[in-house]
């Protein structure tokens, strides 16, 4: 068994070096850092859903008010 391990050890070392060099595997620390970067990027580019719904509600209310004003103007002519 040990002979087999010794026989394949250079290949295993080369494979491990390849993985390390190309960053195939990441540490939990690196993963957490990348996760934070993604979250920050999302917060910069996108609006929270609640804020979007509030804004949509306000636009709908404004549209209704404008429609009422328009109707009033038309009826007084």
Protein backbone atom coordinates (compact mmCIF):
# COMPACT_ATOMS: atom_id res chain seq x y z
CA UNK A 1 0.00 0.00 0.00
CA UNK A 2 2.76 2.45 0.91
CA UNK A 3 4.56 1.59 -2.32
CA UNK A 4 1.51 2.63 -4.30
CA UNK A 5 1.29 5.91 -2.40
CA UNK A 6 4.97 6.61 -3.00
CA UNK A 7 4.60 5.72 -6.65
CA UNK A 8 1.78 8.22 -7.20
CA UNK A 9 3.00 10.92 -4.83
CA UNK A 10 4.71 13.09 -7.51
CA UNK A 11 1.51 13.11 -9.54
CA UNK A 12 -0.52 13.98 -6.46
CA UNK A 13 1.84 16.83 -5.62
CA UNK A 14 1.57 18.22 -9.15
CA UNK A 15 -2.21 18.00 -9.04
CA UNK A 16 -2.33 19.71 -5.64
CA UNK A 17 -0.04 22.48 -6.87
CA UNK A 18 -2.26 22.99 -9.89
CA UNK A 19 -5.31 23.32 -7.64
CA UNK A 20 -3.55 25.77 -5.36
CA UNK A 21 -2.12 27.83 -8.21
CA UNK A 22 -5.48 28.16 -9.99
CA UNK A 23 -7.39 28.68 -6.76
CA UNK A 24 -9.72 25.79 -7.43
CA UNK A 25 -10.50 25.43 -3.73
CA UNK A 26 -11.30 28.38 -1.50
CA UNK A 27 -11.16 28.78 2.24
CA UNK A 28 -14.26 29.72 4.20
CA UNK A 29 -12.55 33.04 4.90
CA UNK A 30 -12.19 33.81 1.18
CA UNK A 31 -15.76 32.71 0.57
CA UNK A 32 -17.06 35.02 3.30
CA UNK A 33 -15.05 37.94 1.89
CA UNK A 34 -16.47 37.38 -1.59
CA UNK A 35 -19.96 37.08 -0.13
CA UNK A 36 -19.59 40.49 1.55
CA UNK A 37 -18.36 42.03 -1.71
CA UNK A 38 -21.38 40.66 -3.57
CA UNK A 39 -23.78 41.94 -0.91
CA UNK A 40 -22.19 45.41 -1.00
CA UNK A 41 -22.37 45.46 -4.78
CA UNK A 42 -26.05 44.49 -4.71
CA UNK A 43 -26.83 47.19 -2.14
CA UNK A 44 -25.19 49.81 -4.37
CA UNK A 45 -26.95 48.79 -7.58
CA UNK A 46 -30.41 47.66 -6.49
CA UNK A 47 -33.18 49.14 -4.40
CA UNK A 48 -34.79 47.13 -1.60
CA UNK A 49 -38.12 45.56 -2.52
CA UNK A 50 -40.01 47.44 0.21
CA UNK A 51 -38.74 50.79 -1.06
CA UNK A 52 -39.75 49.85 -4.59
CA UNK A 53 -43.27 48.94 -3.48
CA UNK A 54 -43.58 52.21 -1.55
CA UNK A 55 -42.47 54.21 -4.57
CA UNK A 56 -44.84 52.32 -6.84
CA UNK A 57 -47.68 53.05 -4.43
CA UNK A 58 -46.83 56.76 -4.43
CA UNK A 59 -46.74 56.87 -8.22
CA UNK A 60 -50.13 55.18 -8.35
CA UNK A 61 -51.56 57.74 -5.91
CA UNK A 62 -50.10 60.59 -7.97
CA UNK A 63 -51.61 59.15 -11.12
CA UNK A 64 -55.02 58.93 -9.44
CA UNK A 65 -54.78 62.55 -8.28
CA UNK A 66 -53.72 63.74 -11.72
CA UNK A 67 -56.65 61.84 -13.24
CA UNK A 68 -59.03 63.53 -10.80
CA UNK A 69 -57.61 66.95 -11.62
CA UNK A 70 -57.95 66.20 -15.33
CA UNK A 71 -61.55 65.08 -14.86
CA UNK A 72 -62.33 68.25 -12.93
CA UNK A 73 -60.82 70.42 -15.66
CA UNK A 74 -62.81 68.65 -18.33
CA UNK A 75 -66.12 68.92 -16.47
CA UNK A 76 -65.70 72.69 -15.85
CA UNK A 77 -65.18 73.44 -19.55
